[in-house]
Every structure is written in structure tokens, then in C-alpha cells.
């Protein structure tokens, strides 16, 4: 959908793009088609879309043969989407906040999540999706470039943090391309990027992931401090664990590799 098509449509349904909701509508049809096709997934793979807006990406996904479950928070856009796709049995709409809807019921088994994520909820939304790695084969997001770089960041990088570790322990992460503000209306004040997450063959167990999450919270709570003292309350034998796993005592959270964090999570389970 182009800008000349989008603006009259939004006016007709009385929608003014909300900065609070992070509403920046994609107005480049070529990029929209590219996003829908980039994962190179089978047409029988179901897709979860978050923040479908006026349905530009939704249309491309349905045209490619996917069953689409879309989650839209804005009531007026939800009403428009129901009317636009009411005769398409492959489309299902859930009206609600991505940070509050029942994702256990919403996410189809063995699906991909493909979305132009609203900037205002990208972090919390991705954190929620990571709780369902057993269902999500992969995710592809158009989001703020800073967030995309955080997901991809290696250990030792200033952007490497809790979300980096939680993402990379379960998914292979790749920044596919950078995106200019000019492809949105209204244009955001920051650059964007498309990042792709493909689920690894050997994903840690749900128990291991819960253990990891419990360690990451205190571990990254004070980035400039040594990790060992920060973990003592959560991991009483942290000293023994660091020694056995050959982790230097003066390490900070950002120094540990994904493999080392995984080993600590396993250690915590078996103490």
C-alpha cells in the first residue's frame, strides 16, 4: 500500500497514527512483498502477525497461501481488518494487546511470526515470544534498528544483554537489511532493520530456559559490576560453578558467551 492509498483510507476509518502505540505504517509495496517472502517458508506454514495495521503485509501473506492469525490492538483497525478479510477463511483476527493476550492459545503449532512490530512494544513482545520457542519455528521482524542490533549482539558488545542471550540460546539470529524511515508513514525518527530468527535444532528445555531467565535478571542488573557477587543470591554455589565451568571470577555479565550462560543455567538446575 502506497502513501497515496494509505492516507485516504486512514481518514475514512478515522485513524490518526498514534505515537504512543508506535503506529508507523509501511508504504513501500516492494518491501512489503519482500518481507512476506524472505523467510522462504512453505505455504502450509501458519503465520502469526502482530500489529497488522491496514493489512498490507497480511494480504501478501494470504496471497502466498499462509493461514494468518493477526493480533491488532487498535479497535478501529481491527474493525477494518474484519471487513477486509471477512470472506477469507485463512484469516483469523485477535483483538487485543500483544503484551496481554493469551499467546498459548493464539500461537499455532510450528508457525512463523512475521511482523512490522510496533516500536513501543517490540521488546516486551519479543520477550513473550521467547517463552514459546517450542511452537515458533522462526520469527522475522521489522523493528527499530537499535533493537535489531541488540538481538544480534555478540558477547562483549555494549548492546549484548538479557534479550540477546535469551534470543540467541534458542534461535540463530541474522540482521537481513537496514530500512530507511522513508518507507513508513509517518516516518519514525530512527532507522529500522529487518531481523530474522530461525529456531535451532537443539533448543534448551523449558526448565533450562526458566533457569537461564532467573540468572539473567540479577546478572545484568548492574552491568559495571562483577557477575559473581550478583549471582550469589540466585546461585548459592556460584563460586564452585565459576571454577568448574572455567569462568573467570572477574567476569561481568556481558563477558559470558551464550554457551557459558547455558552451562550456568544447567548448573543451577542440578544443584
C-alpha atoms as a PDB file:
ATOM      1  CA  UNK A   1       0.000   0.000   0.000  1.00  0.00           C
ATOM      2  CA  UNK A   2       1.407   3.385  -1.029  1.00  0.00           C
ATOM      3  CA  UNK A   3       1.145   6.645   0.911  1.00  0.00           C
ATOM      4  CA  UNK A   4      -1.406   7.997  -1.564  1.00  0.00           C
ATOM      5  CA  UNK A   5      -3.584   4.941  -0.862  1.00  0.00           C
ATOM      6  CA  UNK A   6      -2.968   4.823   2.876  1.00  0.00           C
ATOM      7  CA  UNK A   7      -3.848   8.376   3.921  1.00  0.00           C
ATOM      8  CA  UNK A   8      -7.384   8.445   2.417  1.00  0.00           C
ATOM      9  CA  UNK A   9      -8.022   5.016   3.925  1.00  0.00           C
ATOM     10  CA  UNK A  10      -6.957   6.102   7.411  1.00  0.00           C
ATOM     11  CA  UNK A  11      -9.072   9.228   7.101  1.00  0.00           C
ATOM     12  CA  UNK A  12     -12.069   7.129   6.083  1.00  0.00           C
ATOM     13  CA  UNK A  13     -11.836   4.947   9.182  1.00  0.00           C
ATOM     14  CA  UNK A  14     -10.937   7.906  11.397  1.00  0.00           C
ATOM     15  CA  UNK A  15      -7.450   6.716  12.360  1.00  0.00           C
ATOM     16  CA  UNK A  16      -4.670   9.134  13.211  1.00  0.00           C
ATOM     17  CA  UNK A  17      -1.297   7.384  13.625  1.00  0.00           C
ATOM     18  CA  UNK A  18      -0.553   7.163  17.337  1.00  0.00           C
ATOM     19  CA  UNK A  19       2.979   7.728  18.584  1.00  0.00           C
ATOM     20  CA  UNK A  20       2.006   6.100  21.874  1.00  0.00           C
ATOM     21  CA  UNK A  21       1.043   2.914  20.036  1.00  0.00           C
ATOM     22  CA  UNK A  22       4.085   3.077  17.785  1.00  0.00           C
ATOM     23  CA  UNK A  23       1.968   3.242  14.626  1.00  0.00           C
ATOM     24  CA  UNK A  24       4.221   3.731  11.601  1.00  0.00           C
ATOM     25  CA  UNK A  25       2.577   2.256   8.516  1.00  0.00           C
ATOM     26  CA  UNK A  26       4.654   0.599   5.796  1.00  0.00           C
ATOM     27  CA  UNK A  27       4.153   2.391   2.447  1.00  0.00           C
ATOM     28  CA  UNK A  28       6.608   0.529   0.227  1.00  0.00           C
ATOM     29  CA  UNK A  29       4.788  -2.325  -1.593  1.00  0.00           C
ATOM     30  CA  UNK A  30       8.049  -3.854  -2.817  1.00  0.00           C
ATOM     31  CA  UNK A  31       9.442  -4.071   0.719  1.00  0.00           C
ATOM     32  CA  UNK A  32       6.136  -5.474   1.975  1.00  0.00           C
ATOM     33  CA  UNK A  33       6.312  -8.301  -0.576  1.00  0.00           C
ATOM     34  CA  UNK A  34       9.984  -8.884   0.273  1.00  0.00           C
ATOM     35  CA  UNK A  35       9.174  -9.246   3.978  1.00  0.00           C
ATOM     36  CA  UNK A  36       6.439 -11.775   3.211  1.00  0.00           C
ATOM     37  CA  UNK A  37       8.750 -13.852   1.010  1.00  0.00           C
ATOM     38  CA  UNK A  38      12.095 -13.522   2.813  1.00  0.00           C
ATOM     39  CA  UNK A  39      11.743 -16.437   5.275  1.00  0.00           C
ATOM     40  CA  UNK A  40      11.359 -18.843   2.316  1.00  0.00           C
ATOM     41  CA  UNK A  41       8.933 -20.998   4.258  1.00  0.00           C
ATOM     42  CA  UNK A  42       6.354 -23.421   2.955  1.00  0.00           C
ATOM     43  CA  UNK A  43       2.926 -22.037   2.092  1.00  0.00           C
ATOM     44  CA  UNK A  44       1.402 -24.554   4.518  1.00  0.00           C
ATOM     45  CA  UNK A  45       3.283 -22.979   7.451  1.00  0.00           C
ATOM     46  CA  UNK A  46       0.888 -20.887   9.562  1.00  0.00           C
ATOM     47  CA  UNK A  47       1.902 -17.301  10.339  1.00  0.00           C
ATOM     48  CA  UNK A  48       1.301 -15.143  13.396  1.00  0.00           C
ATOM     49  CA  UNK A  49       1.282 -11.420  12.578  1.00  0.00           C
ATOM     50  CA  UNK A  50       1.422  -8.695  15.214  1.00  0.00           C
ATOM     51  CA  UNK A  51       0.209  -5.164  14.510  1.00  0.00           C
ATOM     52  CA  UNK A  52      -1.235  -5.802  11.031  1.00  0.00           C
ATOM     53  CA  UNK A  53      -2.484  -2.228  10.734  1.00  0.00           C
ATOM     54  CA  UNK A  54      -4.421  -1.903   7.469  1.00  0.00           C
ATOM     55  CA  UNK A  55      -3.462  -5.414   6.355  1.00  0.00           C
ATOM     56  CA  UNK A  56      -0.827  -4.674   3.696  1.00  0.00           C
ATOM     57  CA  UNK A  57       1.525  -7.428   4.896  1.00  0.00           C
ATOM     58  CA  UNK A  58      -1.441  -9.626   5.813  1.00  0.00           C
ATOM     59  CA  UNK A  59      -2.627  -9.516   2.201  1.00  0.00           C
ATOM     60  CA  UNK A  60       0.780 -10.629   0.889  1.00  0.00           C
ATOM     61  CA  UNK A  61       0.946 -13.490   3.396  1.00  0.00           C
ATOM     62  CA  UNK A  62      -2.535 -14.700   2.487  1.00  0.00           C
ATOM     63  CA  UNK A  63      -1.713 -14.434  -1.224  1.00  0.00           C
ATOM     64  CA  UNK A  64       1.320 -16.662  -0.594  1.00  0.00           C
ATOM     65  CA  UNK A  65      -1.020 -19.316   0.807  1.00  0.00           C
ATOM     66  CA  UNK A  66      -0.419 -18.970   4.551  1.00  0.00           C
ATOM     67  CA  UNK A  67      -3.038 -19.186   7.240  1.00  0.00           C
ATOM     68  CA  UNK A  68      -2.669 -15.931   9.178  1.00  0.00           C
ATOM     69  CA  UNK A  69      -3.535 -15.237  12.800  1.00  0.00           C
ATOM     70  CA  UNK A  70      -3.269 -11.474  13.339  1.00  0.00           C
ATOM     71  CA  UNK A  71      -3.211  -9.610  16.657  1.00  0.00           C
ATOM     72  CA  UNK A  72      -4.329  -5.967  16.493  1.00  0.00           C
ATOM     73  CA  UNK A  73      -4.765  -3.624  19.463  1.00  0.00           C
ATOM     74  CA  UNK A  74      -6.398  -0.619  17.742  1.00  0.00           C
ATOM     75  CA  UNK A  75     -10.179  -1.152  17.727  1.00  0.00           C
ATOM     76  CA  UNK A  76     -10.780   0.854  14.535  1.00  0.00           C
ATOM     77  CA  UNK A  77      -8.114  -1.023  12.605  1.00  0.00           C
ATOM     78  CA  UNK A  78      -9.450  -4.323  13.953  1.00  0.00           C
ATOM     79  CA  UNK A  79     -12.909  -3.458  12.603  1.00  0.00           C
ATOM     80  CA  UNK A  80     -11.427  -2.568   9.217  1.00  0.00           C
ATOM     81  CA  UNK A  81      -9.452  -5.835   9.068  1.00  0.00           C
ATOM     82  CA  UNK A  82     -12.555  -7.890   9.848  1.00  0.00           C
ATOM     83  CA  UNK A  83     -14.364  -6.286   6.929  1.00  0.00           C
ATOM     84  CA  UNK A  84     -11.392  -6.507   4.558  1.00  0.00           C
ATOM     85  CA  UNK A  85     -10.752 -10.209   5.109  1.00  0.00           C
ATOM     86  CA  UNK A  86     -14.176 -11.420   6.243  1.00  0.00           C
ATOM     87  CA  UNK A  87     -14.541 -13.783   3.276  1.00  0.00           C
ATOM     88  CA  UNK A  88     -11.082 -15.334   3.647  1.00  0.00           C
ATOM     89  CA  UNK A  89     -11.241 -18.480   5.826  1.00  0.00           C
ATOM     90  CA  UNK A  90      -7.439 -18.464   6.198  1.00  0.00           C
ATOM     91  CA  UNK A  91      -7.581 -15.244   8.232  1.00  0.00           C
ATOM     92  CA  UNK A  92      -8.184 -15.048  11.975  1.00  0.00           C
ATOM     93  CA  UNK A  93      -8.138 -11.836  13.991  1.00  0.00           C
ATOM     94  CA  UNK A  94      -7.454 -11.475  17.693  1.00  0.00           C
ATOM     95  CA  UNK A  95      -8.216  -8.013  19.021  1.00  0.00           C
ATOM     96  CA  UNK A  96      -6.014  -7.221  21.984  1.00  0.00           C
ATOM     97  CA  UNK A  97      -2.701  -6.101  23.431  1.00  0.00           C
ATOM     98  CA  UNK A  98       0.229  -8.318  22.413  1.00  0.00           C
ATOM     99  CA  UNK A  99       1.609  -7.904  25.933  1.00  0.00           C
ATOM    100  CA  UNK A 100      -1.593  -9.318  27.465  1.00  0.00           C
ATOM    101  CA  UNK A 101      -3.304 -11.699  25.048  1.00  0.00           C
ATOM    102  CA  UNK A 102      -3.192 -15.427  25.753  1.00  0.00           C
ATOM    103  CA  UNK A 103      -0.302 -16.406  23.471  1.00  0.00           C
ATOM    104  CA  UNK A 104      -0.582 -20.060  24.489  1.00  0.00           C
ATOM    105  CA  UNK A 105      -3.949 -20.082  22.722  1.00  0.00           C
ATOM    106  CA  UNK A 106      -3.013 -17.665  19.929  1.00  0.00           C
ATOM    107  CA  UNK A 107       0.218 -19.187  18.587  1.00  0.00           C
ATOM    108  CA  UNK A 108      -0.376 -22.077  16.168  1.00  0.00           C
ATOM    109  CA  UNK A 109       1.950 -25.071  16.462  1.00  0.00           C
ATOM    110  CA  UNK A 110       5.061 -24.953  14.239  1.00  0.00           C
ATOM    111  CA  UNK A 111       4.404 -21.450  12.944  1.00  0.00           C
ATOM    112  CA  UNK A 112       6.406 -18.374  11.996  1.00  0.00           C
ATOM    113  CA  UNK A 113       5.840 -14.918  13.434  1.00  0.00           C
ATOM    114  CA  UNK A 114       6.255 -12.262  10.745  1.00  0.00           C
ATOM    115  CA  UNK A 115       5.528  -8.684  11.685  1.00  0.00           C
ATOM    116  CA  UNK A 116       6.159  -4.979  11.367  1.00  0.00           C
ATOM    117  CA  UNK A 117       6.366  -4.724  15.150  1.00  0.00           C
ATOM    118  CA  UNK A 118       5.116  -1.517  16.763  1.00  0.00           C
ATOM    119  CA  UNK A 119       8.240   0.124  18.213  1.00  0.00           C
ATOM    120  CA  UNK A 120       6.537   0.831  21.518  1.00  0.00           C
ATOM    121  CA  UNK A 121       6.089  -2.866  22.340  1.00  0.00           C
ATOM    122  CA  UNK A 122       8.879  -4.611  20.422  1.00  0.00           C
ATOM    123  CA  UNK A 123      10.993  -5.502  23.483  1.00  0.00           C
ATOM    124  CA  UNK A 124       8.172  -6.871  25.673  1.00  0.00           C
ATOM    125  CA  UNK A 125       6.585  -8.653  22.682  1.00  0.00           C
ATOM    126  CA  UNK A 126       9.779 -10.465  21.707  1.00  0.00           C
ATOM    127  CA  UNK A 127      10.399 -11.421  25.343  1.00  0.00           C
ATOM    128  CA  UNK A 128       6.947 -13.017  25.409  1.00  0.00           C
ATOM    129  CA  UNK A 129       7.506 -14.875  22.133  1.00  0.00           C
ATOM    130  CA  UNK A 130      10.697 -16.389  23.533  1.00  0.00           C
ATOM    131  CA  UNK A 131       8.564 -18.205  26.103  1.00  0.00           C
ATOM    132  CA  UNK A 132       7.071 -20.239  23.232  1.00  0.00           C
ATOM    133  CA  UNK A 133      10.134 -21.423  21.314  1.00  0.00           C
ATOM    134  CA  UNK A 134       8.666 -24.934  21.160  1.00  0.00           C
ATOM    135  CA  UNK A 135       5.891 -23.562  18.906  1.00  0.00           C
ATOM    136  CA  UNK A 136       7.694 -20.878  16.917  1.00  0.00           C
ATOM    137  CA  UNK A 137       9.883 -22.229  14.116  1.00  0.00           C
ATOM    138  CA  UNK A 138      11.109 -18.721  13.474  1.00  0.00           C
ATOM    139  CA  UNK A 139      10.400 -15.014  13.691  1.00  0.00           C
ATOM    140  CA  UNK A 140      11.037 -12.158  11.310  1.00  0.00           C
ATOM    141  CA  UNK A 141      10.577  -8.607  12.476  1.00  0.00           C
ATOM    142  CA  UNK A 142      10.799  -5.138  11.021  1.00  0.00           C
ATOM    143  CA  UNK A 143      11.710  -3.066  14.036  1.00  0.00           C
ATOM    144  CA  UNK A 144      13.884  -0.290  15.397  1.00  0.00           C
ATOM    145  CA  UNK A 145      17.494  -0.789  14.275  1.00  0.00           C
ATOM    146  CA  UNK A 146      18.784  -0.455  17.835  1.00  0.00           C
ATOM    147  CA  UNK A 147      16.548  -3.342  18.934  1.00  0.00           C
ATOM    148  CA  UNK A 148      17.611  -5.473  15.952  1.00  0.00           C
ATOM    149  CA  UNK A 149      21.284  -4.914  16.824  1.00  0.00           C
ATOM    150  CA  UNK A 150      20.584  -5.853  20.439  1.00  0.00           C
ATOM    151  CA  UNK A 151      19.115  -9.191  19.359  1.00  0.00           C
ATOM    152  CA  UNK A 152      22.190  -9.911  17.203  1.00  0.00           C
ATOM    153  CA  UNK A 153      24.847  -8.550  19.571  1.00  0.00           C
ATOM    154  CA  UNK A 154      27.778 -10.857  20.445  1.00  0.00           C
ATOM    155  CA  UNK A 155      29.196 -11.185  23.956  1.00  0.00           C
ATOM    156  CA  UNK A 156      31.448  -8.278  24.881  1.00  0.00           C
ATOM    157  CA  UNK A 157      29.361  -5.832  22.851  1.00  0.00           C
ATOM    158  CA  UNK A 158      27.707  -2.928  24.677  1.00  0.00           C
ATOM    159  CA  UNK A 159      24.328  -3.943  23.174  1.00  0.00           C
ATOM    160  CA  UNK A 160      24.640  -7.514  24.487  1.00  0.00           C
ATOM    161  CA  UNK A 161      22.148  -8.074  27.266  1.00  0.00           C
ATOM    162  CA  UNK A 162      19.367 -10.216  28.668  1.00  0.00           C
ATOM    163  CA  UNK A 163      17.318 -10.216  25.471  1.00  0.00           C
ATOM    164  CA  UNK A 164      20.411 -11.036  23.370  1.00  0.00           C
ATOM    165  CA  UNK A 165      21.151 -14.137  25.443  1.00  0.00           C
ATOM    166  CA  UNK A 166      17.551 -15.337  25.655  1.00  0.00           C
ATOM    167  CA  UNK A 167      17.169 -14.960  21.887  1.00  0.00           C
ATOM    168  CA  UNK A 168      20.461 -16.465  20.772  1.00  0.00           C
ATOM    169  CA  UNK A 169      20.279 -19.506  23.027  1.00  0.00           C
ATOM    170  CA  UNK A 170      17.208 -20.725  21.113  1.00  0.00           C
ATOM    171  CA  UNK A 171      17.495 -19.065  17.681  1.00  0.00           C
ATOM    172  CA  UNK A 172      20.069 -18.318  15.010  1.00  0.00           C
ATOM    173  CA  UNK A 173      19.765 -14.563  14.583  1.00  0.00           C
ATOM    174  CA  UNK A 174      20.572 -12.606  11.447  1.00  0.00           C
ATOM    175  CA  UNK A 175      20.122  -8.946  10.554  1.00  0.00           C
ATOM    176  CA  UNK A 176      18.829  -9.140   6.972  1.00  0.00           C
ATOM    177  CA  UNK A 177      18.739  -5.494   5.927  1.00  0.00           C
ATOM    178  CA  UNK A 178      18.564  -1.927   7.182  1.00  0.00           C
ATOM    179  CA  UNK A 179      15.479   0.112   6.414  1.00  0.00           C
ATOM    180  CA  UNK A 180      15.119   3.860   5.873  1.00  0.00           C
ATOM    181  CA  UNK A 181      12.475   5.926   7.710  1.00  0.00           C
ATOM    182  CA  UNK A 182      11.138   6.966   4.273  1.00  0.00           C
ATOM    183  CA  UNK A 183       9.322   3.621   3.794  1.00  0.00           C
ATOM    184  CA  UNK A 184       6.940   4.472   6.653  1.00  0.00           C
ATOM    185  CA  UNK A 185       4.179   6.976   7.198  1.00  0.00           C
ATOM    186  CA  UNK A 186       4.586   8.843   9.361  1.00  0.00           C
ATOM    187  CA  UNK A 187       8.357   8.350   9.157  1.00  0.00           C
ATOM    188  CA  UNK A 188       9.915   7.386  12.517  1.00  0.00           C
ATOM    189  CA  UNK A 189      12.767   9.430  13.954  1.00  0.00           C
ATOM    190  CA  UNK A 190      15.093   6.413  13.907  1.00  0.00           C
ATOM    191  CA  UNK A 191      16.363   3.865  11.395  1.00  0.00           C
ATOM    192  CA  UNK A 192      14.821   0.411  11.233  1.00  0.00           C
ATOM    193  CA  UNK A 193      16.034  -3.064  10.325  1.00  0.00           C
ATOM    194  CA  UNK A 194      14.689  -6.484   9.432  1.00  0.00           C
ATOM    195  CA  UNK A 195      15.953  -9.260  11.670  1.00  0.00           C
ATOM    196  CA  UNK A 196      15.311 -12.970  11.265  1.00  0.00           C
ATOM    197  CA  UNK A 197      15.344 -15.650  13.973  1.00  0.00           C
ATOM    198  CA  UNK A 198      15.443 -19.325  12.959  1.00  0.00           C
ATOM    199  CA  UNK A 199      14.945 -21.869  15.714  1.00  0.00           C
ATOM    200  CA  UNK A 200      17.974 -24.014  16.461  1.00  0.00           C
ATOM    201  CA  UNK A 201      17.842 -27.789  16.152  1.00  0.00           C
ATOM    202  CA  UNK A 202      18.804 -28.258  19.808  1.00  0.00           C
ATOM    203  CA  UNK A 203      16.798 -25.781  21.855  1.00  0.00           C
ATOM    204  CA  UNK A 204      17.324 -25.874  25.634  1.00  0.00           C
ATOM    205  CA  UNK A 205      14.487 -27.405  27.613  1.00  0.00           C
ATOM    206  CA  UNK A 206      11.774 -25.235  29.099  1.00  0.00           C
ATOM    207  CA  UNK A 207      13.312 -25.947  32.533  1.00  0.00           C
ATOM    208  CA  UNK A 208      16.727 -24.759  31.335  1.00  0.00           C
ATOM    209  CA  UNK A 209      15.260 -21.614  29.795  1.00  0.00           C
ATOM    210  CA  UNK A 210      13.468 -20.777  33.051  1.00  0.00           C
ATOM    211  CA  UNK A 211      16.727 -21.312  34.946  1.00  0.00           C
ATOM    212  CA  UNK A 212      18.561 -19.045  32.493  1.00  0.00           C
ATOM    213  CA  UNK A 213      15.951 -16.305  32.865  1.00  0.00           C
ATOM    214  CA  UNK A 214      16.346 -16.416  36.651  1.00  0.00           C
ATOM    215  CA  UNK A 215      20.102 -15.881  36.305  1.00  0.00           C
ATOM    216  CA  UNK A 216      19.991 -13.159  33.652  1.00  0.00           C
ATOM    217  CA  UNK A 217      17.830 -10.790  35.671  1.00  0.00           C
ATOM    218  CA  UNK A 218      20.312 -10.253  38.530  1.00  0.00           C
ATOM    219  CA  UNK A 219      23.290 -10.851  36.235  1.00  0.00           C
ATOM    220  CA  UNK A 220      22.595  -7.866  34.011  1.00  0.00           C
ATOM    221  CA  UNK A 221      21.056  -5.705  36.749  1.00  0.00           C
ATOM    222  CA  UNK A 222      24.347  -3.826  37.306  1.00  0.00           C
ATOM    223  CA  UNK A 223      26.398  -4.154  34.145  1.00  0.00           C
ATOM    224  CA  UNK A 224      29.521  -2.473  35.517  1.00  0.00           C
ATOM    225  CA  UNK A 225      29.809  -4.861  38.461  1.00  0.00           C
ATOM    226  CA  UNK A 226      31.367  -8.320  38.551  1.00  0.00           C
ATOM    227  CA  UNK A 227      28.878 -11.093  37.840  1.00  0.00           C
ATOM    228  CA  UNK A 228      29.870 -13.461  40.638  1.00  0.00           C
ATOM    229  CA  UNK A 229      28.568 -11.351  43.574  1.00  0.00           C
ATOM    230  CA  UNK A 230      25.376 -10.540  41.633  1.00  0.00           C
ATOM    231  CA  UNK A 231      24.516 -14.224  41.246  1.00  0.00           C
ATOM    232  CA  UNK A 232      25.152 -15.398  44.809  1.00  0.00           C
ATOM    233  CA  UNK A 233      21.529 -14.938  45.942  1.00  0.00           C
ATOM    234  CA  UNK A 234      20.187 -16.892  42.963  1.00  0.00           C
ATOM    235  CA  UNK A 235      23.071 -19.348  42.684  1.00  0.00           C
ATOM    236  CA  UNK A 236      24.368 -20.061  46.214  1.00  0.00           C
ATOM    237  CA  UNK A 237      27.350 -22.085  44.980  1.00  0.00           C
ATOM    238  CA  UNK A 238      28.299 -19.556  42.301  1.00  0.00           C
ATOM    239  CA  UNK A 239      31.960 -19.762  43.338  1.00  0.00           C
ATOM    240  CA  UNK A 240      32.053 -23.506  42.706  1.00  0.00           C
ATOM    241  CA  UNK A 241      30.166 -23.128  39.429  1.00  0.00           C
ATOM    242  CA  UNK A 242      32.543 -20.477  38.078  1.00  0.00           C
ATOM    243  CA  UNK A 243      35.535 -22.625  38.965  1.00  0.00           C
ATOM    244  CA  UNK A 244      34.104 -25.814  37.457  1.00  0.00           C
ATOM    245  CA  UNK A 245      32.984 -24.050  34.270  1.00  0.00           C
ATOM    246  CA  UNK A 246      36.272 -22.135  33.984  1.00  0.00           C
ATOM    247  CA  UNK A 247      34.586 -18.726  34.069  1.00  0.00           C
ATOM    248  CA  UNK A 248      36.982 -16.002  35.301  1.00  0.00           C
ATOM    249  CA  UNK A 249      35.993 -14.627  38.715  1.00  0.00           C
ATOM    250  CA  UNK A 250      36.204 -11.030  37.497  1.00  0.00           C
ATOM    251  CA  UNK A 251      33.809 -11.573  34.552  1.00  0.00           C
ATOM    252  CA  UNK A 252      30.879  -9.256  34.033  1.00  0.00           C
ATOM    253  CA  UNK A 253      27.577 -10.461  32.576  1.00  0.00           C
ATOM    254  CA  UNK A 254      28.401  -9.164  29.093  1.00  0.00           C
ATOM    255  CA  UNK A 255      31.635 -11.203  29.010  1.00  0.00           C
ATOM    256  CA  UNK A 256      29.916 -14.604  29.121  1.00  0.00           C
ATOM    257  CA  UNK A 257      29.189 -16.380  25.850  1.00  0.00           C
ATOM    258  CA  UNK A 258      25.819 -17.981  25.093  1.00  0.00           C
ATOM    259  CA  UNK A 259      27.375 -21.363  25.850  1.00  0.00           C
ATOM    260  CA  UNK A 260      28.618 -20.220  29.258  1.00  0.00           C
ATOM    261  CA  UNK A 261      25.222 -18.816  30.199  1.00  0.00           C
ATOM    262  CA  UNK A 262      23.662 -22.121  29.147  1.00  0.00           C
ATOM    263  CA  UNK A 263      26.128 -24.047  31.307  1.00  0.00           C
ATOM    264  CA  UNK A 264      25.320 -21.859  34.319  1.00  0.00           C
ATOM    265  CA  UNK A 265      21.595 -22.459  33.754  1.00  0.00           C
ATOM    266  CA  UNK A 266      22.204 -26.226  33.692  1.00  0.00           C
ATOM    267  CA  UNK A 267      24.327 -25.989  36.830  1.00  0.00           C
ATOM    268  CA  UNK A 268      21.544 -24.160  38.655  1.00  0.00           C
ATOM    269  CA  UNK A 269      19.075 -26.925  37.818  1.00  0.00           C
ATOM    270  CA  UNK A 270      21.293 -29.653  39.222  1.00  0.00           C
ATOM    271  CA  UNK A 271      22.422 -28.034  42.476  1.00  0.00           C
END
